[in-house]
Amino acid sequence: MDRIITRLPTVAARDQLDRALLEIDIAIALVLAGVAVTITLSCLDEAEAAAFIGAAWAQSAGVAFRLLRDPALPVSLVVGPRVPSLRLAAVEMES
């Protein structure tokens, strides 16, 4: 029997900021699903503008988020790996 391959839905973002936020949202979903440990997003036109919202989304999902700046390279966003919840860590320390 052939393996069924499913793909993420294709959505066309109207502007570059929407596109960057969509990429961040999908990367967080892939890390949470266990498909990837970390995902590096590079060459996004509005990466710096989307970084604050992306970091908030990642933090609420329990996923690490970094903005990498290198003068010789375009800005990159690194999503993942999963991080333990601070609430769970506090409970474990009290036990």
Protein backbone atom coordinates (compact mmCIF):
# COMPACT_ATOMS: atom_id res chain seq x y z
CA MET A 1 0.00 0.00 0.00
CA ASP A 2 1.30 3.45 -0.90
CA ARG A 3 2.03 5.87 1.85
CA ILE A 4 -0.30 8.87 1.95
CA ILE A 5 1.57 12.16 1.93
CA THR A 6 -0.21 15.12 3.43
CA ARG A 7 1.01 18.64 2.98
CA LEU A 8 0.36 21.81 4.89
CA PRO A 9 -2.28 23.99 3.28
CA THR A 10 -0.94 26.66 0.99
CA VAL A 11 -2.03 30.14 1.95
CA ALA A 12 -1.04 33.24 0.06
CA ALA A 13 -0.24 36.10 2.40
CA ARG A 14 -1.04 39.58 1.15
CA ASP A 15 1.99 41.34 2.54
CA GLN A 16 5.43 40.33 3.74
CA LEU A 17 4.62 40.75 7.44
CA ASP A 18 1.66 38.38 7.13
CA ARG A 19 3.89 35.94 5.27
CA ALA A 20 6.55 36.04 8.01
CA LEU A 21 3.92 35.52 10.73
CA LEU A 22 2.44 32.62 8.80
CA GLU A 23 5.87 30.98 8.50
CA ILE A 24 6.48 31.42 12.24
CA ASP A 25 3.06 29.96 13.08
CA ILE A 26 3.71 26.90 10.89
CA ALA A 27 7.20 26.42 12.37
CA ILE A 28 5.77 26.46 15.91
CA ALA A 29 3.12 23.92 14.88
CA LEU A 30 5.77 21.62 13.38
CA VAL A 31 7.89 21.75 16.55
CA LEU A 32 4.86 21.09 18.75
CA ALA A 33 3.83 18.16 16.53
CA GLY A 34 7.29 16.63 16.91
CA VAL A 35 8.04 16.83 13.19
CA ALA A 36 11.10 18.99 13.85
CA VAL A 37 13.23 19.90 16.85
CA THR A 38 14.30 23.30 15.50
CA ILE A 39 13.44 25.23 12.37
CA THR A 40 15.47 28.13 10.99
CA LEU A 41 13.55 30.67 8.92
CA SER A 42 15.78 32.89 6.81
CA CYS A 43 15.37 35.43 4.01
CA LEU A 44 12.00 36.64 5.27
CA ASP A 45 11.60 40.30 4.34
CA GLU A 46 9.82 41.30 7.56
CA ALA A 47 11.59 38.93 9.97
CA GLU A 48 12.53 41.64 12.46
CA ALA A 49 9.05 43.17 12.43
CA ALA A 50 7.45 39.76 13.06
CA ALA A 51 9.93 38.71 15.75
CA PHE A 52 8.07 40.22 18.73
CA ILE A 53 4.74 38.60 17.88
CA GLY A 54 6.50 35.35 16.97
CA ALA A 55 8.34 35.30 20.28
CA ALA A 56 5.07 35.80 22.16
CA TRP A 57 3.39 32.97 20.23
CA ALA A 58 6.37 30.68 20.80
CA GLN A 59 6.54 31.46 24.51
CA SER A 60 2.84 30.73 24.99
CA ALA A 61 3.32 27.42 23.14
CA GLY A 62 6.37 26.44 25.21
CA VAL A 63 8.80 26.68 22.28
CA ALA A 64 12.15 28.53 22.20
CA PHE A 65 12.49 31.46 19.79
CA ARG A 66 15.62 33.37 18.73
CA LEU A 67 16.41 36.19 16.35
CA LEU A 68 19.85 35.83 14.75
CA ARG A 69 21.60 38.84 13.27
CA ASP A 70 24.84 38.53 11.35
CA PRO A 71 26.12 41.45 9.25
CA ALA A 72 27.13 39.11 6.43
CA LEU A 73 23.84 37.17 6.38
CA PRO A 74 20.15 38.00 6.31
CA VAL A 75 18.22 38.02 9.59
CA SER A 76 17.13 34.52 10.63
CA LEU A 77 14.53 33.29 13.09
CA VAL A 78 15.10 30.03 14.96
CA VAL A 79 12.01 28.27 16.29
CA GLY A 80 12.47 25.40 18.75
CA PRO A 81 13.21 23.24 20.61
CA ARG A 82 10.42 22.75 23.10
CA VAL A 83 11.14 24.19 26.53
CA PRO A 84 9.71 22.96 29.81
CA SER A 85 6.97 25.12 31.23
CA LEU A 86 8.07 27.47 33.99
CA ARG A 87 5.01 26.49 36.00
CA LEU A 88 5.97 22.80 35.80
CA ALA A 89 9.57 23.59 36.75
CA ALA A 90 8.41 25.50 39.83
CA VAL A 91 6.21 22.59 40.94
CA GLU A 92 9.06 20.12 40.50
CA MET A 93 11.41 22.30 42.57
CA GLU A 94 8.92 22.45 45.44
CA SER A 95 8.50 18.67 45.58
